[in-house]
Amino acid sequence: MKETDPVKARHKKGIIGIIQSYGLSNIIWSFPSITSLLLSILVVGFLYFNQQYNSHDILIKLSDLSLLIYPSLLGFSLGGYALIIGFGNTSLLKSMTRTKTDKDFTIFQRMNGIFAFGLLLQVLELIFAFIIKFTNILEGSNRISFFLTHPNISQILNLGGNFLLLWWACWSLIMIPFIVSNVFLFGQMHHLYLTKQRMIEDRQKEAEKQKEPKA
């Protein structure tokens, strides 16, 4: 029972499992994370110190853009994810489950974590953009006009909304090359595995031919 404990510890479910597979350090200190955070801070800071730009209008335009782009982007990412999870060679996937130590995560788990975390960011962006758009409709119908038109509250909400939309959008977009490289890596590993299998079969056939008696 004790031998299976490390294995179970590396296979947690839900968001915790995604964070664990991708790696908390990668989430905090990775290039996509830091770059997207800095870009979002710069843009929101620019909006704050340049009052001629209407942060509310920019927020609505960003949400419209996200609702336009992210359904297709999410479909692309899900397609790549399904390619790895659903159509992978069983023997190849089994070879990707080896680890150096009991605490390490396998190559397959890391690839799985990158895909899943990228999808999570895209889902967050899409849901938040929908909430902003729906809130804007309610605002237009004067259902929550005081809450959103009060100067101080409105400024905080608009800047905060811009920050989150930009942060998740930049983060998920910067991660696309990493997702594509994972699809390519999986394809290369699959091709390498099949090439090795073909070479083994060719050697076996050659050996069988040499064993056949000559007429």
Protein backbone atom coordinates (compact mmCIF):
# COMPACT_ATOMS: atom_id res chain seq x y z
CA MET A 1 0.00 0.00 0.00
CA LYS A 2 2.83 2.34 0.83
CA GLU A 3 4.37 1.85 -2.61
CA THR A 4 1.26 3.29 -4.29
CA ASP A 5 1.05 6.37 -2.05
CA PRO A 6 3.58 8.47 -4.07
CA VAL A 7 1.76 7.53 -7.26
CA LYS A 8 -1.61 8.61 -5.86
CA ALA A 9 -0.07 11.83 -4.56
CA ARG A 10 0.96 12.73 -8.12
CA HIS A 11 -2.56 12.17 -9.47
CA LYS A 12 -4.74 14.70 -7.70
CA LYS A 13 -7.96 15.84 -9.35
CA GLY A 14 -9.49 19.18 -10.25
CA ILE A 15 -7.76 22.53 -10.23
CA ILE A 16 -5.31 21.35 -7.55
CA GLY A 17 -4.21 18.56 -9.86
CA ILE A 18 -3.77 21.00 -12.76
CA ILE A 19 -1.64 23.33 -10.64
CA GLN A 20 0.36 20.39 -9.32
CA SER A 21 1.02 18.95 -12.79
CA TYR A 22 1.94 22.27 -14.36
CA GLY A 23 3.98 23.30 -11.32
CA LEU A 24 3.32 26.16 -8.93
CA SER A 25 6.72 27.68 -9.69
CA ASN A 26 5.86 27.67 -13.42
CA ILE A 27 2.59 29.44 -12.68
CA ILE A 28 4.26 32.16 -10.62
CA TRP A 29 7.66 32.61 -12.27
CA SER A 30 7.19 31.44 -15.85
CA PHE A 31 7.76 33.77 -18.81
CA PRO A 32 4.04 33.89 -19.76
CA SER A 33 3.02 34.69 -16.18
CA ILE A 34 5.50 37.49 -15.55
CA THR A 35 5.18 39.02 -19.03
CA SER A 36 1.37 39.08 -18.95
CA LEU A 37 1.36 40.56 -15.44
CA LEU A 38 3.76 43.36 -16.40
CA LEU A 39 1.86 44.17 -19.59
CA SER A 40 -1.44 44.32 -17.71
CA ILE A 41 -0.01 46.60 -15.02
CA LEU A 42 1.47 48.93 -17.65
CA VAL A 43 -1.79 49.19 -19.61
CA VAL A 44 -3.96 49.72 -16.50
CA GLY A 45 -1.47 52.26 -15.16
CA PHE A 46 -1.61 54.09 -18.48
CA LEU A 47 -5.41 54.18 -18.32
CA TYR A 48 -5.33 55.42 -14.72
CA PHE A 49 -2.97 58.33 -15.43
CA ASN A 50 -4.57 59.26 -18.76
CA GLN A 51 -8.14 60.19 -17.99
CA GLN A 52 -8.92 61.07 -21.62
CA TYR A 53 -9.31 57.33 -22.23
CA ASN A 54 -12.61 55.93 -21.00
CA SER A 55 -11.73 52.77 -19.06
CA HIS A 56 -15.34 51.58 -19.19
CA ASP A 57 -15.49 51.75 -22.99
CA ILE A 58 -12.17 49.95 -23.25
CA LEU A 59 -13.45 47.27 -20.87
CA ILE A 60 -16.52 46.65 -23.05
CA LYS A 61 -14.41 46.53 -26.23
CA LEU A 62 -12.01 44.07 -24.61
CA SER A 63 -14.88 41.85 -23.52
CA ASP A 64 -16.34 41.96 -27.05
CA LEU A 65 -12.95 41.02 -28.49
CA SER A 66 -12.57 38.14 -26.03
CA LEU A 67 -16.05 36.81 -26.81
CA LEU A 68 -15.14 36.93 -30.50
CA ILE A 69 -11.72 35.26 -30.29
CA TYR A 70 -11.77 32.84 -27.39
CA PRO A 71 -14.46 30.36 -28.49
CA SER A 72 -12.33 29.51 -31.56
CA LEU A 73 -9.12 29.55 -29.53
CA LEU A 74 -10.67 27.27 -26.94
CA GLY A 75 -11.73 24.87 -29.70
CA PHE A 76 -8.19 24.81 -31.08
CA SER A 77 -6.71 24.08 -27.65
CA LEU A 78 -9.28 21.37 -26.93
CA GLY A 79 -8.46 19.76 -30.27
CA GLY A 80 -4.77 19.57 -29.38
CA TYR A 81 -5.61 18.29 -25.93
CA ALA A 82 -7.86 15.58 -27.36
CA LEU A 83 -5.09 14.61 -29.78
CA ILE A 84 -2.72 13.83 -26.91
CA ILE A 85 -5.21 12.34 -24.47
CA GLY A 86 -7.53 10.41 -26.77
CA PHE A 87 -5.48 9.36 -29.78
CA GLY A 88 -2.09 8.60 -28.31
CA ASN A 89 -0.36 5.26 -28.75
CA THR A 90 -0.83 3.25 -25.56
CA SER A 91 2.72 1.93 -25.57
CA LEU A 92 4.09 5.42 -26.16
CA LEU A 93 2.02 6.88 -23.32
CA LYS A 94 3.19 4.07 -21.05
CA SER A 95 6.81 4.93 -21.85
CA MET A 96 6.08 8.55 -20.85
CA THR A 97 5.04 7.53 -17.32
CA ARG A 98 8.56 6.96 -16.05
CA THR A 99 10.05 9.34 -13.46
CA LYS A 100 13.52 9.81 -12.03
CA THR A 101 12.27 9.83 -8.43
CA ASP A 102 8.96 9.22 -6.67
CA LYS A 103 8.45 12.98 -6.31
CA ASP A 104 8.95 13.82 -9.99
CA PHE A 105 6.13 14.20 -12.47
CA THR A 106 6.20 12.35 -15.76
CA ILE A 107 6.60 13.97 -19.19
CA PHE A 108 3.00 13.12 -19.95
CA GLN A 109 1.79 14.80 -16.74
CA ARG A 110 3.77 17.97 -17.52
CA MET A 111 2.32 18.12 -21.03
CA ASN A 112 -1.13 17.43 -19.60
CA GLY A 113 -0.66 20.19 -17.03
CA ILE A 114 0.39 22.79 -19.63
CA PHE A 115 -2.63 22.04 -21.79
CA ALA A 116 -5.06 21.98 -18.88
CA PHE A 117 -3.76 25.22 -17.36
CA GLY A 118 -3.88 26.98 -20.73
CA LEU A 119 -7.48 25.82 -21.16
CA LEU A 120 -8.32 27.01 -17.66
CA LEU A 121 -7.05 30.51 -18.46
CA GLN A 122 -9.07 30.61 -21.67
CA VAL A 123 -12.22 29.50 -19.84
CA LEU A 124 -11.69 32.16 -17.16
CA GLU A 125 -11.25 34.83 -19.83
CA LEU A 126 -14.37 33.73 -21.68
CA ILE A 127 -16.55 33.55 -18.55
CA PHE A 128 -15.33 36.91 -17.24
CA ALA A 129 -15.89 38.57 -20.62
CA PHE A 130 -19.44 37.19 -20.67
CA ILE A 131 -20.08 38.52 -17.15
CA ILE A 132 -18.84 41.99 -18.15
CA LYS A 133 -21.02 41.97 -21.27
CA PHE A 134 -24.06 40.85 -19.31
CA THR A 135 -23.39 43.49 -16.64
CA ASN A 136 -23.18 46.13 -19.35
CA ILE A 137 -26.64 45.09 -20.58
CA LEU A 138 -28.03 45.41 -17.06
CA GLU A 139 -26.34 48.80 -16.73
CA GLY A 140 -28.04 49.94 -19.92
CA SER A 141 -31.40 48.90 -18.50
CA ASN A 142 -30.73 50.98 -15.34
CA ARG A 143 -30.99 47.89 -13.11
CA ILE A 144 -27.65 48.52 -11.40
CA SER A 145 -26.93 52.07 -12.52
CA PHE A 146 -25.92 53.49 -9.11
CA PHE A 147 -23.49 50.67 -8.40
CA LEU A 148 -21.66 51.13 -11.71
CA THR A 149 -21.97 54.89 -12.20
CA HIS A 150 -20.74 55.96 -8.76
CA PRO A 151 -17.40 57.63 -9.67
CA ASN A 152 -15.11 55.89 -7.19
CA ILE A 153 -16.71 52.45 -7.46
CA SER A 154 -16.93 52.68 -11.26
CA GLN A 155 -13.24 53.58 -11.62
CA ILE A 156 -12.12 50.70 -9.41
CA LEU A 157 -14.38 48.18 -11.16
CA ASN A 158 -13.42 49.30 -14.66
CA LEU A 159 -9.68 49.31 -13.99
CA GLY A 160 -9.91 46.02 -12.12
CA GLY A 161 -11.91 44.48 -14.94
CA ASN A 162 -9.42 45.71 -17.54
CA PHE A 163 -6.57 44.31 -15.49
CA LEU A 164 -8.11 40.83 -15.18
CA LEU A 165 -9.17 40.66 -18.83
CA LEU A 166 -5.75 41.78 -20.03
CA TRP A 167 -3.88 39.56 -17.59
CA TRP A 168 -5.74 36.36 -18.48
CA ALA A 169 -5.82 37.24 -22.19
CA CYS A 170 -2.08 37.97 -22.42
CA TRP A 171 -1.23 34.95 -20.29
CA SER A 172 -3.32 32.54 -22.36
CA LEU A 173 -2.12 34.02 -25.66
CA ILE A 174 1.55 33.87 -24.68
CA MET A 175 1.03 30.24 -23.70
CA ILE A 176 -0.17 29.30 -27.20
CA PRO A 177 3.40 28.76 -28.54
CA PHE A 178 4.05 26.46 -25.57
CA ILE A 179 0.85 24.54 -26.30
CA VAL A 180 1.79 24.25 -29.99
CA SER A 181 5.29 23.10 -29.07
CA ASN A 182 3.76 20.42 -26.85
CA VAL A 183 1.63 19.15 -29.74
CA PHE A 184 4.77 19.12 -31.92
CA LEU A 185 6.77 17.37 -29.18
CA PHE A 186 4.11 14.71 -28.85
CA GLY A 187 4.10 14.22 -32.63
CA GLN A 188 7.89 13.92 -32.67
CA MET A 189 7.87 11.41 -29.81
CA HIS A 190 5.16 9.41 -31.54
CA HIS A 191 7.15 9.40 -34.78
CA LEU A 192 10.34 8.42 -32.95
CA TYR A 193 8.55 5.56 -31.21
CA LEU A 194 7.07 4.27 -34.48
CA THR A 195 10.46 4.62 -36.22
CA LYS A 196 12.15 2.53 -33.53
CA GLN A 197 9.39 -0.08 -33.77
CA ARG A 198 9.79 -0.22 -37.55
CA MET A 199 13.59 -0.58 -37.25
CA ILE A 200 13.15 -3.46 -34.78
CA GLU A 201 10.71 -5.16 -37.14
CA ASP A 202 13.09 -4.65 -40.09
CA ARG A 203 15.96 -6.22 -38.15
CA GLN A 204 13.76 -9.15 -37.17
CA LYS A 205 12.70 -9.71 -40.77
CA GLU A 206 16.32 -9.49 -41.91
CA ALA A 207 17.35 -12.02 -39.26
CA GLU A 208 14.57 -14.38 -40.35
CA LYS A 209 15.67 -14.14 -43.95
CA GLN A 210 19.24 -15.03 -43.02
CA LYS A 211 18.02 -18.09 -41.09
CA GLU A 212 16.06 -19.44 -44.07
CA PRO A 213 17.88 -22.31 -45.83
CA LYS A 214 19.29 -21.45 -49.20
CA ALA A 215 17.94 -23.45 -52.14
